């Protein structure tokens, strides 16, 4: 019924197909692993970017507050000078 040559060809073809399947499956697994690693790195970079943006926003707010304080100090200095000159005039 089954000749040894046919069985031999069938077995060798099966082994070849299984070998190719295993090879490509391992490559696919490695590719998926690399993709997962890259996705995690991307998520981490997104988180870091958000944190950096928040820090920059806070820095901008602090700079604005410092500028306001500087203008207030300048205004107060001018007022003190005016008061000082008026006191000198009265004396």
PDB file of N, CA and C in Angstrom:
ATOM      1  N   UNK A   1       0.819  -1.172   0.000  1.00  0.00           N
ATOM      2  CA  UNK A   1       0.000   0.000   0.000  1.00  0.00           C
ATOM      3  C   UNK A   1       0.875   1.252   0.000  1.00  0.00           C
ATOM      4  N   UNK A   2       1.559   1.527   1.090  1.00  0.00           N
ATOM      5  CA  UNK A   2       2.462   2.678   1.116  1.00  0.00           C
ATOM      6  C   UNK A   2       3.865   2.194   0.803  1.00  0.00           C
ATOM      7  N   UNK A   3       4.458   2.800  -0.175  1.00  0.00           N
ATOM      8  CA  UNK A   3       5.830   2.428  -0.539  1.00  0.00           C
ATOM      9  C   UNK A   3       6.791   3.165   0.388  1.00  0.00           C
ATOM     10  N   UNK A   4       7.921   2.589   0.684  1.00  0.00           N
ATOM     11  CA  UNK A   4       8.896   3.240   1.562  1.00  0.00           C
ATOM     12  C   UNK A   4       9.378   4.588   1.005  1.00  0.00           C
ATOM     13  N   UNK A   5       9.441   4.704  -0.326  1.00  0.00           N
ATOM     14  CA  UNK A   5       9.891   5.974  -0.920  1.00  0.00           C
ATOM     15  C   UNK A   5       8.881   7.089  -0.628  1.00  0.00           C
ATOM     16  N   UNK A   6       7.601   6.765  -0.730  1.00  0.00           N
ATOM     17  CA  UNK A   6       6.555   7.761  -0.484  1.00  0.00           C
ATOM     18  C   UNK A   6       6.565   8.168   0.989  1.00  0.00           C
ATOM     19  N   UNK A   7       6.688   7.177   1.872  1.00  0.00           N
ATOM     20  CA  UNK A   7       6.747   7.471   3.306  1.00  0.00           C
ATOM     21  C   UNK A   7       7.970   8.327   3.612  1.00  0.00           C
ATOM     22  N   UNK A   8       9.107   8.011   3.002  1.00  0.00           N
ATOM     23  CA  UNK A   8      10.336   8.776   3.209  1.00  0.00           C
ATOM     24  C   UNK A   8      10.172  10.211   2.723  1.00  0.00           C
ATOM     25  N   UNK A   9       9.562  10.401   1.544  1.00  0.00           N
ATOM     26  CA  UNK A   9       9.336  11.751   1.012  1.00  0.00           C
ATOM     27  C   UNK A   9       8.378  12.523   1.914  1.00  0.00           C
ATOM     28  N   UNK A  10       7.331  11.845   2.357  1.00  0.00           N
ATOM     29  CA  UNK A  10       6.356  12.498   3.231  1.00  0.00           C
ATOM     30  C   UNK A  10       7.000  12.934   4.548  1.00  0.00           C
ATOM     31  N   UNK A  11       7.801  12.055   5.140  1.00  0.00           N
ATOM     32  CA  UNK A  11       8.483  12.394   6.389  1.00  0.00           C
ATOM     33  C   UNK A  11       9.478  13.536   6.201  1.00  0.00           C
ATOM     34  N   UNK A  12      10.247  13.503   5.122  1.00  0.00           N
ATOM     35  CA  UNK A  12      11.231  14.572   4.900  1.00  0.00           C
ATOM     36  C   UNK A  12      10.529  15.905   4.635  1.00  0.00           C
ATOM     37  N   UNK A  13       9.420  15.870   3.895  1.00  0.00           N
ATOM     38  CA  UNK A  13       8.661  17.098   3.648  1.00  0.00           C
ATOM     39  C   UNK A  13       8.068  17.612   4.958  1.00  0.00           C
ATOM     40  N   UNK A  14       7.552  16.702   5.785  1.00  0.00           N
ATOM     41  CA  UNK A  14       6.982  17.102   7.078  1.00  0.00           C
ATOM     42  C   UNK A  14       8.040  17.726   7.980  1.00  0.00           C
ATOM     43  N   UNK A  15       9.216  17.120   8.006  1.00  0.00           N
ATOM     44  CA  UNK A  15      10.305  17.661   8.821  1.00  0.00           C
ATOM     45  C   UNK A  15      10.707  19.043   8.312  1.00  0.00           C
ATOM     46  N   UNK A  16      10.781  19.204   6.996  1.00  0.00           N
ATOM     47  CA  UNK A  16      11.139  20.506   6.419  1.00  0.00           C
ATOM     48  C   UNK A  16      10.106  21.566   6.773  1.00  0.00           C
ATOM     49  N   UNK A  17       8.832  21.206   6.644  1.00  0.00           N
ATOM     50  CA  UNK A  17       7.770  22.163   6.961  1.00  0.00           C
ATOM     51  C   UNK A  17       7.801  22.516   8.442  1.00  0.00           C
ATOM     52  N   UNK A  18       7.965  21.528   9.307  1.00  0.00           N
ATOM     53  CA  UNK A  18       8.032  21.794  10.741  1.00  0.00           C
ATOM     54  C   UNK A  18       9.242  22.654  11.097  1.00  0.00           C
ATOM     55  N   UNK A  19      10.365  22.398  10.436  1.00  0.00           N
ATOM     56  CA  UNK A  19      11.564  23.205  10.677  1.00  0.00           C
ATOM     57  C   UNK A  19      11.327  24.653  10.282  1.00  0.00           C
ATOM     58  N   UNK A  20      10.752  24.865   9.109  1.00  0.00           N
ATOM     59  CA  UNK A  20      10.453  26.229   8.662  1.00  0.00           C
ATOM     60  C   UNK A  20       9.444  26.898   9.593  1.00  0.00           C
ATOM     61  N   UNK A  21       8.425  26.171   9.985  1.00  0.00           N
ATOM     62  CA  UNK A  21       7.417  26.716  10.891  1.00  0.00           C
ATOM     63  C   UNK A  21       8.046  27.149  12.208  1.00  0.00           C
ATOM     64  N   UNK A  22       8.882  26.288  12.776  1.00  0.00           N
ATOM     65  CA  UNK A  22       9.551  26.598  14.036  1.00  0.00           C
ATOM     66  C   UNK A  22      10.473  27.803  13.882  1.00  0.00           C
ATOM     67  N   UNK A  23      11.212  27.854  12.777  1.00  0.00           N
ATOM     68  CA  UNK A  23      12.125  28.969  12.524  1.00  0.00           C
ATOM     69  C   UNK A  23      11.366  30.291  12.467  1.00  0.00           C
ATOM     70  N   UNK A  24      10.309  30.324  11.664  1.00  0.00           N
ATOM     71  CA  UNK A  24       9.561  31.570  11.517  1.00  0.00           C
ATOM     72  C   UNK A  24       8.775  31.922  12.781  1.00  0.00           C
ATOM     73  N   UNK A  25       8.341  30.915  13.507  1.00  0.00           N
ATOM     74  CA  UNK A  25       7.641  31.184  14.760  1.00  0.00           C
ATOM     75  C   UNK A  25       8.591  31.821  15.773  1.00  0.00           C
ATOM     76  N   UNK A  26       9.812  31.330  15.856  1.00  0.00           N
ATOM     77  CA  UNK A  26      10.774  31.924  16.791  1.00  0.00           C
ATOM     78  C   UNK A  26      11.140  33.341  16.362  1.00  0.00           C
ATOM     79  N   UNK A  27      11.264  33.567  15.065  1.00  0.00           N
ATOM     80  CA  UNK A  27      11.545  34.934  14.589  1.00  0.00           C
ATOM     81  C   UNK A  27      10.380  35.860  14.905  1.00  0.00           C
ATOM     82  N   UNK A  28       9.167  35.362  14.736  1.00  0.00           N
ATOM     83  CA  UNK A  28       7.990  36.171  15.023  1.00  0.00           C
ATOM     84  C   UNK A  28       7.919  36.493  16.521  1.00  0.00           C
ATOM     85  N   UNK A  29       8.240  35.523  17.346  1.00  0.00           N
ATOM     86  CA  UNK A  29       8.248  35.740  18.789  1.00  0.00           C
ATOM     87  C   UNK A  29       9.282  36.794  19.165  1.00  0.00           C
ATOM     88  N   UNK A  30      10.466  36.706  18.570  1.00  0.00           N
ATOM     89  CA  UNK A  30      11.506  37.703  18.839  1.00  0.00           C
ATOM     90  C   UNK A  30      11.071  39.088  18.370  1.00  0.00           C
ATOM     91  N   UNK A  31      10.432  39.140  17.223  1.00  0.00           N
ATOM     92  CA  UNK A  31       9.949  40.429  16.714  1.00  0.00           C
ATOM     93  C   UNK A  31       8.882  41.011  17.633  1.00  0.00           C
ATOM     94  N   UNK A  32       7.985  40.178  18.110  1.00  0.00           N
ATOM     95  CA  UNK A  32       6.948  40.645  19.036  1.00  0.00           C
ATOM     96  C   UNK A  32       7.569  41.149  20.333  1.00  0.00           C
ATOM     97  N   UNK A  33       8.583  40.455  20.805  1.00  0.00           N
ATOM     98  CA  UNK A  33       9.267  40.868  22.031  1.00  0.00           C
ATOM     99  C   UNK A  33       9.920  42.238  21.830  1.00  0.00           C
ATOM    100  N   UNK A  34      10.607  42.404  20.690  1.00  0.00           N
ATOM    101  CA  UNK A  34      11.236  43.696  20.401  1.00  0.00           C
ATOM    102  C   UNK A  34      10.190  44.798  20.274  1.00  0.00           C
ATOM    103  N   UNK A  35       9.078  44.482  19.622  1.00  0.00           N
ATOM    104  CA  UNK A  35       8.003  45.466  19.472  1.00  0.00           C
ATOM    105  C   UNK A  35       7.449  45.867  20.832  1.00  0.00           C
ATOM    106  N   UNK A  36       7.266  44.894  21.704  1.00  0.00           N
ATOM    107  CA  UNK A  36       6.766  45.183  23.050  1.00  0.00           C
ATOM    108  C   UNK A  36       7.748  46.069  23.808  1.00  0.00           C
ATOM    109  N   UNK A  37       9.029  45.774  23.699  1.00  0.00           N
ATOM    110  CA  UNK A  37      10.048  46.585  24.369  1.00  0.00           C
ATOM    111  C   UNK A  37      10.015  48.011  23.840  1.00  0.00           C
ATOM    112  N   UNK A  38       9.918  48.152  22.523  1.00  0.00           N
ATOM    113  CA  UNK A  38       9.872  49.490  21.927  1.00  0.00           C
ATOM    114  C   UNK A  38       8.618  50.250  22.352  1.00  0.00           C
ATOM    115  N   UNK A  39       7.490  49.553  22.439  1.00  0.00           N
ATOM    116  CA  UNK A  39       6.256  50.202  22.888  1.00  0.00           C
ATOM    117  C   UNK A  39       6.386  50.682  24.329  1.00  0.00           C
ATOM    118  N   UNK A  40       7.004  49.873  25.180  1.00  0.00           N
ATOM    119  CA  UNK A  40       7.195  50.270  26.575  1.00  0.00           C
ATOM    120  C   UNK A  40       8.134  51.468  26.672  1.00  0.00           C
ATOM    121  N   UNK A  41       9.190  51.464  25.860  1.00  0.00           N
ATOM    122  CA  UNK A  41      10.099  52.614  25.852  1.00  0.00           C
ATOM    123  C   UNK A  41       9.364  53.864  25.389  1.00  0.00           C
ATOM    124  N   UNK A  42       8.502  53.709  24.395  1.00  0.00           N
ATOM    125  CA  UNK A  42       7.731  54.843  23.885  1.00  0.00           C
ATOM    126  C   UNK A  42       6.801  55.392  24.966  1.00  0.00           C
ATOM    127  N   UNK A  43       6.147  54.495  25.702  1.00  0.00           N
ATOM    128  CA  UNK A  43       5.270  54.930  26.798  1.00  0.00           C
ATOM    129  C   UNK A  43       6.071  55.674  27.866  1.00  0.00           C
ATOM    130  N   UNK A  44       7.247  55.138  28.191  1.00  0.00           N
ATOM    131  CA  UNK A  44       8.087  55.771  29.206  1.00  0.00           C
ATOM    132  C   UNK A  44       8.536  57.156  28.744  1.00  0.00           C
ATOM    133  N   UNK A  45       8.896  57.282  27.469  1.00  0.00           N
ATOM    134  CA  UNK A  45       9.302  58.585  26.943  1.00  0.00           C
ATOM    135  C   UNK A  45       8.137  59.563  26.943  1.00  0.00           C
ATOM    136  N   UNK A  46       6.940  59.074  26.657  1.00  0.00           N
ATOM    137  CA  UNK A  46       5.760  59.945  26.717  1.00  0.00           C
ATOM    138  C   UNK A  46       5.545  60.466  28.138  1.00  0.00           C
ATOM    139  N   UNK A  47       5.695  59.579  29.132  1.00  0.00           N
ATOM    140  CA  UNK A  47       5.552  59.995  30.524  1.00  0.00           C
ATOM    141  C   UNK A  47       6.607  61.041  30.880  1.00  0.00           C
ATOM    142  N   UNK A  48       7.853  60.798  30.458  1.00  0.00           N
ATOM    143  CA  UNK A  48       8.923  61.750  30.747  1.00  0.00           C
ATOM    144  C   UNK A  48       8.651  63.086  30.072  1.00  0.00           C
ATOM    145  N   UNK A  49       8.136  63.036  28.848  1.00  0.00           N
ATOM    146  CA  UNK A  49       7.824  64.269  28.126  1.00  0.00           C
ATOM    147  C   UNK A  49       6.750  65.072  28.851  1.00  0.00           C
ATOM    148  N   UNK A  50       5.744  64.389  29.360  1.00  0.00           N
ATOM    149  CA  UNK A  50       4.681  65.068  30.113  1.00  0.00           C
ATOM    150  C   UNK A  50       5.262  65.710  31.375  1.00  0.00           C
ATOM    151  N   UNK A  51       6.139  64.974  32.075  1.00  0.00           N
ATOM    152  CA  UNK A  51       6.760  65.525  33.283  1.00  0.00           C
ATOM    153  C   UNK A  51       7.615  66.744  32.949  1.00  0.00           C
ATOM    154  N   UNK A  52       8.352  66.674  31.861  1.00  0.00           N
ATOM    155  CA  UNK A  52       9.207  67.793  31.458  1.00  0.00           C
ATOM    156  C   UNK A  52       8.352  69.003  31.092  1.00  0.00           C
ATOM    157  N   UNK A  53       7.242  68.761  30.392  1.00  0.00           N
ATOM    158  CA  UNK A  53       6.345  69.870  30.048  1.00  0.00           C
ATOM    159  C   UNK A  53       5.789  70.530  31.305  1.00  0.00           C
ATOM    160  N   UNK A  54       5.413  69.710  32.297  1.00  0.00           N
ATOM    161  CA  UNK A  54       4.903  70.267  33.553  1.00  0.00           C
ATOM    162  C   UNK A  54       5.970  71.114  34.237  1.00  0.00           C
ATOM    163  N   UNK A  55       7.213  70.601  34.254  1.00  0.00           N
ATOM    164  CA  UNK A  55       8.291  71.364  34.877  1.00  0.00           C
ATOM    165  C   UNK A  55       8.522  72.684  34.158  1.00  0.00           C
ATOM    166  N   UNK A  56       8.474  72.649  32.829  1.00  0.00           N
ATOM    167  CA  UNK A  56       8.656  73.886  32.065  1.00  0.00           C
ATOM    168  C   UNK A  56       7.523  74.870  32.333  1.00  0.00           C
ATOM    169  N   UNK A  57       6.301  74.354  32.414  1.00  0.00           N
ATOM    170  CA  UNK A  57       5.170  75.234  32.730  1.00  0.00           C
ATOM    171  C   UNK A  57       5.348  75.873  34.106  1.00  0.00           C
ATOM    172  N   UNK A  58       5.763  75.065  35.081  1.00  0.00           N
ATOM    173  CA  UNK A  58       6.009  75.601  36.423  1.00  0.00           C
ATOM    174  C   UNK A  58       7.131  76.633  36.396  1.00  0.00           C
ATOM    175  N   UNK A  59       8.153  76.353  35.603  1.00  0.00           N
ATOM    176  CA  UNK A  59       9.267  77.286  35.483  1.00  0.00           C
ATOM    177  C   UNK A  59       8.785  78.609  34.887  1.00  0.00           C
ATOM    178  N   UNK A  60       7.942  78.531  33.865  1.00  0.00           N
ATOM    179  CA  UNK A  60       7.387  79.750  33.262  1.00  0.00           C
ATOM    180  C   UNK A  60       6.570  80.539  34.281  1.00  0.00           C
ATOM    181  N   UNK A  61       5.767  79.839  35.075  1.00  0.00           N
ATOM    182  CA  UNK A  61       4.970  80.512  36.104  1.00  0.00           C
ATOM    183  C   UNK A  61       5.875  81.186  37.134  1.00  0.00           C
ATOM    184  N   UNK A  62       6.941  80.501  37.517  1.00  0.00           N
ATOM    185  CA  UNK A  62       7.874  81.082  38.477  1.00  0.00           C
ATOM    186  C   UNK A  62       8.550  82.318  37.890  1.00  0.00           C
ATOM    187  N   UNK A  63       8.914  82.250  36.613  1.00  0.00           N
ATOM    188  CA  UNK A  63       9.529  83.412  35.966  1.00  0.00           C
ATOM    189  C   UNK A  63       8.563  84.588  35.926  1.00  0.00           C
ATOM    190  N   UNK A  64       7.306  84.321  35.618  1.00  0.00           N
ATOM    191  CA  UNK A  64       6.309  85.391  35.603  1.00  0.00           C
ATOM    192  C   UNK A  64       6.165  86.015  36.989  1.00  0.00           C
ATOM    193  N   UNK A  65       6.153  85.175  38.013  1.00  0.00           N
ATOM    194  CA  UNK A  65       6.047  85.688  39.382  1.00  0.00           C
ATOM    195  C   UNK A  65       7.269  86.533  39.727  1.00  0.00           C
ATOM    196  N   UNK A  66       8.453  86.083  39.319  1.00  0.00           N
ATOM    197  CA  UNK A  66       9.668  86.856  39.583  1.00  0.00           C
ATOM    198  C   UNK A  66       9.642  88.195  38.858  1.00  0.00           C
ATOM    199  N   UNK A  67       9.149  88.204  37.639  1.00  0.00           N
ATOM    200  CA  UNK A  67       9.055  89.459  36.885  1.00  0.00           C
ATOM    201  C   UNK A  67       8.092  90.410  37.583  1.00  0.00           C
ATOM    202  N   UNK A  68       6.948  89.887  38.026  1.00  0.00           N
ATOM    203  CA  UNK A  68       5.989  90.726  38.753  1.00  0.00           C
ATOM    204  C   UNK A  68       6.599  91.279  40.035  1.00  0.00           C
ATOM    205  N   UNK A  69       7.316  90.413  40.765  1.00  0.00           N
ATOM    206  CA  UNK A  69       7.962  90.869  41.997  1.00  0.00           C
ATOM    207  C   UNK A  69       9.006  91.944  41.703  1.00  0.00           C
ATOM    208  N   UNK A  70       9.743  91.768  40.632  1.00  0.00           N
ATOM    209  CA  UNK A  70      10.758  92.754  40.261  1.00  0.00           C
ATOM    210  C   UNK A  70      10.120  94.099  39.950  1.00  0.00           C
ATOM    211  N   UNK A  71       9.022  94.082  39.208  1.00  0.00           N
ATOM    212  CA  UNK A  71       8.348  95.351  38.900  1.00  0.00           C
ATOM    213  C   UNK A  71       7.776  95.983  40.161  1.00  0.00           C
ATOM    214  N   UNK A  72       7.240  95.171  41.055  1.00  0.00           N
ATOM    215  CA  UNK A  72       6.718  95.698  42.320  1.00  0.00           C
ATOM    216  C   UNK A  72       7.838  96.318  43.152  1.00  0.00           C
ATOM    217  N   UNK A  73       8.973  95.645  43.202  1.00  0.00           N
ATOM    218  CA  UNK A  73      10.111  96.179  43.963  1.00  0.00           C
ATOM    219  C   UNK A  73      10.587  97.484  43.342  1.00  0.00           C
ATOM    220  N   UNK A  74      10.617  97.538  42.018  1.00  0.00           N
ATOM    221  CA  UNK A  74      11.010  98.772  41.335  1.00  0.00           C
ATOM    222  C   UNK A  74      10.038  99.898  41.676  1.00  0.00           C
ATOM    223  N   UNK A  75       8.751  99.602  41.611  1.00  0.00           N
ATOM    224  CA  UNK A  75       7.740 100.610  41.963  1.00  0.00           C
ATOM    225  C   UNK A  75       7.885 101.068  43.410  1.00  0.00           C
ATOM    226  N   UNK A  76       8.087 100.120  44.313  1.00  0.00           N
ATOM    227  CA  UNK A  76       8.260 100.475  45.724  1.00  0.00           C
ATOM    228  C   UNK A  76       9.515 101.316  45.931  1.00  0.00           C
ATOM    229  N   UNK A  77      10.578 100.967  45.221  1.00  0.00           N
ATOM    230  CA  UNK A  77      11.817 101.750  45.340  1.00  0.00           C
ATOM    231  C   UNK A  77      11.589 103.181  44.892  1.00  0.00           C
ATOM    232  N   UNK A  78      10.851 103.350  43.803  1.00  0.00           N
ATOM    233  CA  UNK A  78      10.554 104.701  43.322  1.00  0.00           C
ATOM    234  C   UNK A  78       9.712 105.465  44.344  1.00  0.00           C
ATOM    235  N   UNK A  79       8.735 104.793  44.927  1.00  0.00           N
ATOM    236  CA  UNK A  79       7.891 105.445  45.931  1.00  0.00           C
ATOM    237  C   UNK A  79       8.701 105.835  47.162  1.00  0.00           C
ATOM    238  N   UNK A  80       9.601 104.955  47.576  1.00  0.00           N
ATOM    239  CA  UNK A  80      10.447 105.249  48.733  1.00  0.00           C
ATOM    240  C   UNK A  80      11.335 106.448  48.428  1.00  0.00           C
ATOM    241  N   UNK A  81      11.864 106.503  47.212  1.00  0.00           N
ATOM    242  CA  UNK A  81      12.693 107.650  46.828  1.00  0.00           C
ATOM    243  C   UNK A  81      11.877 108.941  46.850  1.00  0.00           C
ATOM    244  N   UNK A  82      10.649 108.889  46.365  1.00  0.00           N
ATOM    245  CA  UNK A  82       9.783 110.071  46.388  1.00  0.00           C
ATOM    246  C   UNK A  82       9.511 110.515  47.823  1.00  0.00           C
ATOM    247  N   UNK A  83       9.210 109.551  48.681  1.00  0.00           N
ATOM    248  CA  UNK A  83       8.955 109.863  50.086  1.00  0.00           C
ATOM    249  C   UNK A  83      10.211 110.453  50.718  1.00  0.00           C
ATOM    250  N   UNK A  84      11.358 109.878  50.372  1.00  0.00           N
ATOM    251  CA  UNK A  84      12.626 110.359  50.913  1.00  0.00           C
ATOM    252  C   UNK A  84      12.885 111.804  50.480  1.00  0.00           C
ATOM    253  N   UNK A  85      12.638 112.099  49.212  1.00  0.00           N
ATOM    254  CA  UNK A  85      12.839 113.479  48.737  1.00  0.00           C
ATOM    255  C   UNK A  85      11.854 114.437  49.404  1.00  0.00           C
ATOM    256  N   UNK A  86      10.628 114.020  49.606  1.00  0.00           N
ATOM    257  CA  UNK A  86       9.640 114.869  50.283  1.00  0.00           C
ATOM    258  C   UNK A  86      10.047 115.130  51.728  1.00  0.00           C
ATOM    259  N   UNK A  87      10.569 114.094  52.395  1.00  0.00           N
ATOM    260  CA  UNK A  87      11.026 114.267  53.774  1.00  0.00           C
ATOM    261  C   UNK A  87      12.214 115.223  53.832  1.00  0.00           C
ATOM    262  N   UNK A  88      13.092 115.113  52.851  1.00  0.00           N
ATOM    263  CA  UNK A  88      14.237 116.023  52.816  1.00  0.00           C
ATOM    264  C   UNK A  88      13.778 117.456  52.583  1.00  0.00           C
ATOM    265  N   UNK A  89      12.746 117.620  51.751  1.00  0.00           N
ATOM    266  CA  UNK A  89      12.219 118.959  51.490  1.00  0.00           C
ATOM    267  C   UNK A  89      11.580 119.548  52.746  1.00  0.00           C
ATOM    268  N   UNK A  90      10.930 118.714  53.526  1.00  0.00           N
ATOM    269  CA  UNK A  90      10.274 119.182  54.736  1.00  0.00           C
ATOM    270  C   UNK A  90      11.275 119.509  55.841  1.00  0.00           C
ATOM    271  N   UNK A  91      12.409 118.854  55.808  1.00  0.00           N
ATOM    272  CA  UNK A  91      13.376 119.080  56.879  1.00  0.00           C
ATOM    273  C   UNK A  91      14.146 120.352  56.715  1.00  0.00           C
TER     274      UNK A  91
END
